[in-house]
Structures are given as structure tokens and as C-alpha cells.
């Protein structure tokens, strides 16, 4: 069997730009998750429903979508401060070891309002339970652990 060709960086960047435009113009976007940065909250294969939002509508604990370097990221807001029009928004993926640099004004695209997993709609919580924090810490320290979590999740979903 021949593997499927991987999209080029340029194709990926164009898809990301298009997704941002759709969200800005229509107000809602559904995106399928491919990365691991939000494990265990968001799993690869989940679909996120994102609503357009302005900076003043974001609070700590929200999962937001932002565009940076022609890529899209969905990470949790860990710091929000300052005046509403110039508020500082700092994010971090639950499974990432460090926070992202603060979001520029034009990078914030929307807020994740639902996570769809196997036909079930899950409202994202603003904080992780103890067990989720433990899994995130494990994944943060080991790519092998991330692969195990994703693999166990996949086995559980197929049974």
C-alpha cells in the first residue's frame, strides 16, 4: 500500500489562513484536532467547535484558537491581564512544558465552545482534575508517554 502524500508546508499554511478567515467572517468553525499539545483534554481526532470571540471575552482557563507563523494552535489561557482593549493573553497547551509567548492582538481567533468526541459533545472545563493534571505532566515529560496515552485512547474507542 502506498502512503498518502503529506501536504506541503505551503498547503498547510493556506488551510490555516482559510480557517481563520472562515471564523472571522462566519463566527463559527469546526476543526479536527491533529496535535497532542492539549492532551488529555483534547485528543487527536476530536473535533473542536470554535466561536469567534474578542479579547475582552476571554478568561483564564478558556481554550482558545490562535494563529501564529501560518499555523493554528488551540491552547488554554493561563494569564490574562491589562486593559480590555490591550489585554495580555498568555496560553499554554496542557501537555506543553512552557507557556507560549503573549498573543498579539490579531492572533486570537476564537474560543473552543465544544469538543466533539465519538458523537458526544463535551463542554471544555476551565481547569483539569487531579488525574488529568497527572496525565498532562506525564505527557509533558515524555513523548513515549504521549504515544501511549493516544494509543490507549484509540484502543478504548475501537472496543
N, C-alpha and C. Protein backbone atom coordinates (compact mmCIF):
# COMPACT_ATOMS: atom_id res chain seq x y z
N UNK A 1 0.84 -1.18 0.00
CA UNK A 1 0.00 0.00 0.00
C UNK A 1 0.88 1.24 0.00
N UNK A 2 0.57 2.19 -0.83
CA UNK A 2 1.34 3.42 -0.93
C UNK A 2 0.83 4.42 0.10
N UNK A 3 1.73 5.03 0.89
CA UNK A 3 1.28 6.02 1.87
C UNK A 3 0.72 7.25 1.17
N UNK A 4 -0.23 7.89 1.85
CA UNK A 4 -0.79 9.13 1.30
C UNK A 4 0.25 10.23 1.35
N UNK A 5 0.29 11.07 0.33
CA UNK A 5 1.25 12.18 0.35
C UNK A 5 0.90 13.16 1.47
N UNK A 6 1.91 13.67 2.13
CA UNK A 6 1.71 14.66 3.17
C UNK A 6 1.57 16.04 2.54
N UNK A 7 0.67 16.87 3.08
CA UNK A 7 0.54 18.21 2.50
C UNK A 7 1.82 19.01 2.73
N UNK A 8 2.14 19.86 1.78
CA UNK A 8 3.33 20.69 1.92
C UNK A 8 3.09 21.75 3.00
N UNK A 9 4.16 22.35 3.46
CA UNK A 9 4.05 23.42 4.46
C UNK A 9 3.20 24.56 3.91
N UNK A 10 3.36 24.85 2.62
CA UNK A 10 2.59 25.93 2.00
C UNK A 10 1.09 25.60 1.98
N UNK A 11 0.76 24.36 1.64
CA UNK A 11 -0.64 23.93 1.62
C UNK A 11 -1.23 24.02 3.02
N UNK A 12 -0.47 23.56 4.01
CA UNK A 12 -0.93 23.62 5.40
C UNK A 12 -1.16 25.07 5.83
N UNK A 13 -0.24 25.95 5.48
CA UNK A 13 -0.36 27.36 5.84
C UNK A 13 -1.60 27.99 5.20
N UNK A 14 -1.87 27.64 3.95
CA UNK A 14 -3.06 28.18 3.27
C UNK A 14 -4.34 27.69 3.94
N UNK A 15 -4.36 26.41 4.34
CA UNK A 15 -5.54 25.87 5.05
C UNK A 15 -5.75 26.61 6.37
N UNK A 16 -4.68 26.90 7.08
CA UNK A 16 -4.78 27.63 8.34
C UNK A 16 -5.31 29.04 8.13
N UNK A 17 -4.81 29.71 7.10
CA UNK A 17 -5.28 31.05 6.80
C UNK A 17 -6.76 31.04 6.42
N UNK A 18 -7.17 30.05 5.64
CA UNK A 18 -8.57 29.92 5.25
C UNK A 18 -9.46 29.68 6.47
N UNK A 19 -9.02 28.81 7.37
CA UNK A 19 -9.78 28.54 8.59
C UNK A 19 -9.97 29.81 9.41
N UNK A 20 -8.91 30.61 9.53
CA UNK A 20 -9.01 31.87 10.25
C UNK A 20 -9.98 32.83 9.59
N UNK A 21 -9.95 32.90 8.28
CA UNK A 21 -10.88 33.77 7.55
C UNK A 21 -12.33 33.33 7.73
N UNK A 22 -12.57 32.02 7.65
CA UNK A 22 -13.93 31.49 7.84
C UNK A 22 -14.43 31.85 9.22
N UNK A 23 -13.60 31.69 10.24
CA UNK A 23 -14.01 32.00 11.60
C UNK A 23 -14.31 33.48 11.77
N UNK A 24 -13.46 34.32 11.20
CA UNK A 24 -13.69 35.77 11.31
C UNK A 24 -14.95 36.20 10.58
N UNK A 25 -15.27 35.57 9.45
CA UNK A 25 -16.42 36.00 8.67
C UNK A 25 -17.73 35.34 9.10
N UNK A 26 -17.72 34.07 9.46
CA UNK A 26 -18.98 33.40 9.79
C UNK A 26 -19.23 33.29 11.29
N UNK A 27 -18.17 33.38 12.10
CA UNK A 27 -18.35 33.33 13.54
C UNK A 27 -18.19 31.95 14.16
N UNK A 28 -18.26 30.88 13.37
CA UNK A 28 -18.14 29.53 13.90
C UNK A 28 -17.31 28.68 12.96
N UNK A 29 -16.52 27.79 13.56
CA UNK A 29 -15.66 26.91 12.78
C UNK A 29 -15.54 25.59 13.50
N UNK A 30 -15.51 24.51 12.75
CA UNK A 30 -15.25 23.18 13.29
C UNK A 30 -13.90 22.72 12.75
N UNK A 31 -13.01 22.31 13.65
CA UNK A 31 -11.68 21.85 13.24
C UNK A 31 -11.39 20.49 13.87
N UNK A 32 -10.83 19.61 13.07
CA UNK A 32 -10.41 18.31 13.58
C UNK A 32 -9.01 18.45 14.17
N UNK A 33 -8.80 17.89 15.33
CA UNK A 33 -7.54 18.00 16.05
C UNK A 33 -6.53 16.99 15.51
N UNK A 34 -5.30 17.46 15.30
CA UNK A 34 -4.24 16.56 14.86
C UNK A 34 -3.08 16.51 15.85
N UNK A 35 -2.95 17.48 16.71
CA UNK A 35 -1.79 17.55 17.60
C UNK A 35 -2.04 16.97 18.97
N UNK A 36 -0.97 16.96 19.78
CA UNK A 36 -1.00 16.39 21.12
C UNK A 36 -0.84 17.43 22.22
N UNK A 37 -0.76 18.68 21.89
CA UNK A 37 -0.40 19.69 22.89
C UNK A 37 -1.45 19.88 23.98
N UNK A 38 -2.67 19.44 23.76
CA UNK A 38 -3.72 19.62 24.77
C UNK A 38 -4.14 18.31 25.44
N UNK A 39 -3.31 17.26 25.30
CA UNK A 39 -3.62 16.01 26.00
C UNK A 39 -3.66 16.26 27.50
N UNK A 40 -4.53 15.67 28.26
CA UNK A 40 -5.58 14.73 27.87
C UNK A 40 -6.92 15.40 27.60
N UNK A 41 -6.97 16.72 27.64
CA UNK A 41 -8.24 17.43 27.44
C UNK A 41 -8.79 17.24 26.04
N UNK A 42 -7.94 17.42 25.06
CA UNK A 42 -8.33 17.28 23.65
C UNK A 42 -7.43 16.23 23.03
N UNK A 43 -8.04 15.24 22.38
CA UNK A 43 -7.30 14.12 21.79
C UNK A 43 -7.23 14.27 20.27
N UNK A 44 -6.17 13.73 19.66
CA UNK A 44 -6.14 13.71 18.20
C UNK A 44 -7.38 12.99 17.67
N UNK A 45 -8.01 13.57 16.66
CA UNK A 45 -9.24 13.01 16.11
C UNK A 45 -10.50 13.68 16.63
N UNK A 46 -10.41 14.37 17.77
CA UNK A 46 -11.56 15.13 18.27
C UNK A 46 -11.84 16.27 17.30
N UNK A 47 -13.06 16.77 17.34
CA UNK A 47 -13.42 17.96 16.57
C UNK A 47 -13.74 19.07 17.56
N UNK A 48 -13.12 20.22 17.36
CA UNK A 48 -13.40 21.38 18.20
C UNK A 48 -14.37 22.30 17.48
N UNK A 49 -15.35 22.79 18.22
CA UNK A 49 -16.25 23.82 17.71
C UNK A 49 -15.76 25.13 18.31
N UNK A 50 -15.40 26.04 17.44
CA UNK A 50 -14.79 27.31 17.86
C UNK A 50 -15.73 28.44 17.51
N UNK A 51 -15.92 29.34 18.45
CA UNK A 51 -16.75 30.54 18.26
C UNK A 51 -15.83 31.75 18.22
N UNK A 52 -16.10 32.66 17.29
CA UNK A 52 -15.33 33.91 17.22
C UNK A 52 -15.53 34.67 18.53
N UNK A 53 -14.47 35.23 19.06
CA UNK A 53 -14.55 35.98 20.31
C UNK A 53 -13.50 37.09 20.29
N UNK A 54 -13.79 38.16 21.00
CA UNK A 54 -12.82 39.25 21.15
C UNK A 54 -12.03 39.04 22.43
N UNK A 55 -10.90 39.70 22.53
CA UNK A 55 -10.02 39.54 23.69
C UNK A 55 -10.72 39.77 25.01
N UNK A 56 -11.63 40.73 25.06
CA UNK A 56 -12.29 41.03 26.33
C UNK A 56 -13.26 39.93 26.77
N UNK A 57 -13.59 38.99 25.88
CA UNK A 57 -14.46 37.88 26.23
C UNK A 57 -13.73 36.63 26.68
N UNK A 58 -12.39 36.70 26.72
CA UNK A 58 -11.58 35.54 27.09
C UNK A 58 -11.21 35.63 28.57
N UNK A 59 -11.28 34.49 29.26
CA UNK A 59 -10.88 34.45 30.66
C UNK A 59 -9.88 33.32 30.88
N UNK A 60 -9.16 33.39 31.99
CA UNK A 60 -8.21 32.34 32.32
C UNK A 60 -8.93 31.00 32.38
N UNK A 61 -8.32 29.99 31.80
CA UNK A 61 -8.90 28.66 31.77
C UNK A 61 -9.60 28.33 30.47
N UNK A 62 -9.97 29.35 29.68
CA UNK A 62 -10.59 29.10 28.38
C UNK A 62 -9.59 28.46 27.44
N UNK A 63 -10.07 27.63 26.52
CA UNK A 63 -9.23 27.11 25.45
C UNK A 63 -9.52 27.98 24.23
N UNK A 64 -8.48 28.58 23.69
CA UNK A 64 -8.65 29.50 22.57
C UNK A 64 -7.88 29.00 21.35
N UNK A 65 -8.35 29.43 20.19
CA UNK A 65 -7.67 29.15 18.93
C UNK A 65 -6.94 30.42 18.52
N UNK A 66 -5.68 30.27 18.15
CA UNK A 66 -4.93 31.42 17.65
C UNK A 66 -4.05 30.99 16.49
N UNK A 67 -3.73 31.97 15.66
CA UNK A 67 -2.87 31.73 14.52
C UNK A 67 -1.53 32.39 14.73
N UNK A 68 -0.48 31.61 14.45
CA UNK A 68 0.88 32.15 14.61
C UNK A 68 1.78 31.41 13.63
N UNK A 69 2.63 32.15 12.94
CA UNK A 69 3.58 31.55 12.00
C UNK A 69 2.87 30.66 10.97
N UNK A 70 1.71 31.13 10.51
CA UNK A 70 0.92 30.44 9.48
C UNK A 70 0.46 29.05 9.93
N UNK A 71 0.27 28.88 11.26
CA UNK A 71 -0.26 27.64 11.83
C UNK A 71 -1.33 28.01 12.84
N UNK A 72 -2.20 27.04 13.14
CA UNK A 72 -3.24 27.24 14.15
C UNK A 72 -2.89 26.45 15.40
N UNK A 73 -3.21 27.03 16.55
CA UNK A 73 -2.98 26.39 17.84
C UNK A 73 -4.22 26.56 18.69
N UNK A 74 -4.56 25.53 19.44
CA UNK A 74 -5.62 25.63 20.45
C UNK A 74 -4.96 25.32 21.78
N UNK A 75 -4.83 26.34 22.62
CA UNK A 75 -4.20 26.20 23.93
C UNK A 75 -5.04 26.89 24.98
N UNK A 76 -4.77 26.57 26.23
CA UNK A 76 -5.52 27.13 27.36
C UNK A 76 -4.92 28.49 27.78
N UNK A 77 -5.80 29.43 28.11
CA UNK A 77 -5.35 30.73 28.61
C UNK A 77 -4.87 30.54 30.05
N UNK A 78 -3.61 30.89 30.30
CA UNK A 78 -3.05 30.75 31.64
C UNK A 78 -2.89 32.10 32.34
N UNK A 79 -2.83 33.18 31.57
CA UNK A 79 -2.73 34.53 32.13
C UNK A 79 -3.52 35.48 31.27
N UNK A 80 -4.30 36.32 31.93
CA UNK A 80 -5.00 37.39 31.21
C UNK A 80 -4.99 38.60 32.12
N UNK A 81 -4.50 39.70 31.61
CA UNK A 81 -4.43 40.91 32.42
C UNK A 81 -4.39 42.14 31.56
N UNK A 82 -4.38 43.29 32.19
CA UNK A 82 -4.31 44.56 31.47
C UNK A 82 -5.69 45.10 31.16
N UNK A 83 -5.70 46.18 30.41
CA UNK A 83 -6.95 46.81 29.99
C UNK A 83 -7.63 45.96 28.94
N UNK A 84 -8.98 45.92 28.89
CA UNK A 84 -9.67 45.07 27.92
C UNK A 84 -9.21 45.23 26.48
N UNK A 85 -8.95 46.44 26.05
CA UNK A 85 -8.57 46.64 24.65
C UNK A 85 -7.12 46.23 24.38
N UNK A 86 -6.28 46.21 25.41
CA UNK A 86 -4.87 45.85 25.24
C UNK A 86 -4.48 44.67 26.12
N UNK A 87 -5.45 43.85 26.51
CA UNK A 87 -5.18 42.82 27.50
C UNK A 87 -4.10 41.84 27.04
N UNK A 88 -3.30 41.46 27.99
CA UNK A 88 -2.24 40.48 27.77
C UNK A 88 -2.87 39.10 27.88
N UNK A 89 -2.71 38.28 26.86
CA UNK A 89 -3.22 36.91 26.88
C UNK A 89 -2.05 35.97 26.63
N UNK A 90 -1.81 35.08 27.62
CA UNK A 90 -0.75 34.09 27.51
C UNK A 90 -1.40 32.72 27.58
N UNK A 91 -0.98 31.82 26.69
CA UNK A 91 -1.57 30.49 26.61
C UNK A 91 -0.49 29.42 26.83
N UNK A 92 -0.97 28.20 27.05
CA UNK A 92 -0.09 27.05 27.14
C UNK A 92 -0.91 25.81 26.86
N UNK A 93 -0.36 24.91 26.06
CA UNK A 93 -1.00 23.62 25.87
C UNK A 93 -0.91 22.82 27.16
N UNK A 94 -1.95 22.09 27.52
CA UNK A 94 -1.95 21.33 28.77
C UNK A 94 -0.76 20.38 28.85
N UNK A 95 -0.31 19.86 27.72
CA UNK A 95 0.80 18.90 27.70
C UNK A 95 2.12 19.56 27.31
N UNK A 96 2.18 20.86 27.30
CA UNK A 96 3.40 21.56 26.90
C UNK A 96 4.17 22.01 28.14
N UNK A 97 5.51 21.97 28.08
CA UNK A 97 6.31 22.31 29.26
C UNK A 97 6.36 23.79 29.60
N UNK A 98 6.10 24.65 28.64
CA UNK A 98 6.21 26.09 28.89
C UNK A 98 5.07 26.84 28.22
N UNK A 99 4.83 28.03 28.73
CA UNK A 99 3.80 28.89 28.15
C UNK A 99 4.27 29.43 26.81
N UNK A 100 3.30 29.78 25.97
CA UNK A 100 3.58 30.43 24.69
C UNK A 100 3.90 31.90 24.96
N UNK A 101 4.50 32.56 23.99
CA UNK A 101 4.69 34.00 24.13
C UNK A 101 3.30 34.66 24.05
N UNK A 102 3.15 35.85 24.65
CA UNK A 102 1.84 36.50 24.65
C UNK A 102 1.28 36.66 23.24
N UNK A 103 -0.04 36.56 23.15
CA UNK A 103 -0.71 36.68 21.85
C UNK A 103 -0.72 38.12 21.39
N UNK A 104 -0.36 38.32 20.14
CA UNK A 104 -0.52 39.63 19.52
C UNK A 104 -2.02 39.86 19.29
N UNK A 105 -2.39 41.10 19.16
CA UNK A 105 -3.80 41.47 19.03
C UNK A 105 -4.51 40.71 17.91
N UNK A 106 -3.85 40.53 16.77
CA UNK A 106 -4.50 39.90 15.63
C UNK A 106 -4.39 38.37 15.61
N UNK A 107 -3.71 37.76 16.58
CA UNK A 107 -3.53 36.30 16.57
C UNK A 107 -4.72 35.54 17.13
N UNK A 108 -5.43 36.12 18.09
CA UNK A 108 -6.58 35.44 18.71
C UNK A 108 -7.72 35.32 17.71
N UNK A 109 -8.19 34.08 17.48
CA UNK A 109 -9.25 33.85 16.50
C UNK A 109 -10.57 33.46 17.14
N UNK A 110 -10.54 32.68 18.21
CA UNK A 110 -11.79 32.26 18.80
C UNK A 110 -11.59 31.43 20.05
N UNK A 111 -12.71 31.00 20.60
CA UNK A 111 -12.73 30.22 21.84
C UNK A 111 -13.39 28.88 21.55
N UNK A 112 -12.82 27.81 22.08
CA UNK A 112 -13.40 26.48 21.90
C UNK A 112 -14.64 26.38 22.79
N UNK A 113 -15.80 26.18 22.16
CA UNK A 113 -17.04 26.08 22.92
C UNK A 113 -17.47 24.64 23.15
N UNK A 114 -17.05 23.73 22.27
CA UNK A 114 -17.39 22.31 22.42
C UNK A 114 -16.27 21.45 21.85
N UNK A 115 -16.14 20.28 22.42
CA UNK A 115 -15.25 19.26 21.88
C UNK A 115 -16.15 18.08 21.52
N UNK A 116 -16.10 17.64 20.27
CA UNK A 116 -16.92 16.52 19.83
C UNK A 116 -16.02 15.30 19.74
N UNK A 117 -16.39 14.27 20.51
CA UNK A 117 -15.59 13.03 20.57
C UNK A 117 -16.55 11.86 20.44
N UNK A 118 -16.41 11.10 19.36
CA UNK A 118 -17.25 9.93 19.12
C UNK A 118 -18.74 10.27 19.20
N UNK A 119 -19.12 11.39 18.61
CA UNK A 119 -20.52 11.79 18.57
C UNK A 119 -21.02 12.45 19.84
N UNK A 120 -20.21 12.51 20.88
CA UNK A 120 -20.60 13.16 22.14
C UNK A 120 -20.04 14.56 22.18
N UNK A 121 -20.85 15.49 22.65
CA UNK A 121 -20.40 16.88 22.81
C UNK A 121 -19.93 17.08 24.25
N UNK A 122 -18.73 17.57 24.38
CA UNK A 122 -18.13 17.79 25.69
C UNK A 122 -17.83 19.28 25.84
N UNK A 123 -18.36 19.89 26.89
CA UNK A 123 -18.03 21.29 27.16
C UNK A 123 -16.66 21.32 27.82
N UNK A 124 -15.72 22.08 27.28
CA UNK A 124 -14.38 22.10 27.89
C UNK A 124 -14.42 22.75 29.27
N UNK A 125 -13.75 22.11 30.22
CA UNK A 125 -13.71 22.69 31.56
C UNK A 125 -12.57 23.71 31.62
N UNK A 126 -12.65 24.60 32.57
CA UNK A 126 -11.64 25.65 32.71
C UNK A 126 -10.42 25.18 33.49
N UNK A 127 -10.54 24.02 34.12
CA UNK A 127 -9.40 23.50 34.88
C UNK A 127 -9.37 21.99 34.76
N UNK A 128 -8.20 21.43 35.02
CA UNK A 128 -8.01 19.99 34.93
C UNK A 128 -8.23 19.34 36.30
N UNK A 129 -8.86 18.17 36.30
CA UNK A 129 -8.96 17.38 37.52
C UNK A 129 -7.58 16.85 37.86
N UNK A 130 -7.42 16.34 39.08
CA UNK A 130 -6.12 15.84 39.52
C UNK A 130 -5.58 14.78 38.55
N UNK A 131 -6.43 13.83 38.16
CA UNK A 131 -5.97 12.75 37.27
C UNK A 131 -5.54 13.30 35.90
N UNK A 132 -6.24 14.32 35.41
CA UNK A 132 -5.88 14.94 34.14
C UNK A 132 -4.56 15.70 34.26
N UNK A 133 -4.36 16.38 35.39
CA UNK A 133 -3.09 17.08 35.61
C UNK A 133 -1.93 16.09 35.65
N UNK A 134 -2.17 14.92 36.26
CA UNK A 134 -1.12 13.89 36.32
C UNK A 134 -0.78 13.37 34.93
N UNK A 135 -1.79 13.11 34.11
CA UNK A 135 -1.55 12.64 32.74
C UNK A 135 -0.84 13.72 31.95
N UNK A 136 -1.26 14.97 32.07
CA UNK A 136 -0.62 16.07 31.35
C UNK A 136 0.85 16.19 31.75
N UNK A 137 1.15 16.06 33.04
CA UNK A 137 2.54 16.15 33.50
C UNK A 137 3.37 15.00 32.92
N UNK A 138 2.80 13.81 32.87
CA UNK A 138 3.49 12.66 32.31
C UNK A 138 3.78 12.88 30.82
N UNK A 139 2.77 13.32 30.10
CA UNK A 139 2.91 13.56 28.66
C UNK A 139 3.92 14.68 28.41
N UNK A 140 3.89 15.68 29.27
CA UNK A 140 4.81 16.82 29.16
C UNK A 140 6.27 16.37 29.23
N UNK A 141 6.51 15.32 30.00
CA UNK A 141 7.89 14.89 30.22
C UNK A 141 8.35 13.79 29.27
N UNK A 142 7.43 13.22 28.47
CA UNK A 142 7.83 12.09 27.64
C UNK A 142 6.96 11.94 26.41
N UNK A 143 7.60 11.97 25.25
CA UNK A 143 6.86 11.73 24.01
C UNK A 143 6.34 10.30 23.97
N UNK A 144 7.08 9.37 24.56
CA UNK A 144 6.62 7.97 24.62
C UNK A 144 5.31 7.90 25.41
N UNK A 145 5.23 8.63 26.52
CA UNK A 145 4.00 8.65 27.31
C UNK A 145 2.84 9.20 26.48
N UNK A 146 3.11 10.24 25.69
CA UNK A 146 2.06 10.80 24.83
C UNK A 146 1.57 9.75 23.85
N UNK A 147 2.49 9.01 23.25
CA UNK A 147 2.10 7.95 22.31
C UNK A 147 1.29 6.86 22.99
N UNK A 148 1.66 6.52 24.23
CA UNK A 148 0.90 5.51 24.98
C UNK A 148 -0.51 6.01 25.27
N UNK A 149 -0.64 7.26 25.72
CA UNK A 149 -1.96 7.82 26.02
C UNK A 149 -2.83 7.81 24.77
N UNK A 150 -2.29 8.26 23.64
CA UNK A 150 -3.06 8.29 22.40
C UNK A 150 -3.41 6.86 21.96
N UNK A 151 -2.46 5.94 22.10
CA UNK A 151 -2.71 4.55 21.73
C UNK A 151 -3.77 3.90 22.58
N UNK A 152 -3.71 4.09 23.90
CA UNK A 152 -4.72 3.52 24.80
C UNK A 152 -6.07 4.13 24.51
N UNK A 153 -6.10 5.43 24.26
CA UNK A 153 -7.35 6.10 23.91
C UNK A 153 -7.93 5.49 22.63
N UNK A 154 -7.09 5.25 21.62
CA UNK A 154 -7.54 4.66 20.36
C UNK A 154 -8.08 3.25 20.54
N UNK A 155 -7.40 2.45 21.37
CA UNK A 155 -7.87 1.09 21.65
C UNK A 155 -9.22 1.14 22.36
N UNK A 156 -9.33 2.02 23.34
CA UNK A 156 -10.58 2.15 24.10
C UNK A 156 -11.73 2.55 23.20
N UNK A 157 -11.47 3.45 22.23
CA UNK A 157 -12.53 3.93 21.34
C UNK A 157 -12.98 2.87 20.34
N UNK A 158 -12.10 1.95 19.96
CA UNK A 158 -12.48 0.95 18.96
C UNK A 158 -13.17 -0.25 19.57
N UNK A 159 -13.16 -0.37 20.90
CA UNK A 159 -13.81 -1.53 21.53
C UNK A 159 -15.24 -1.26 21.91
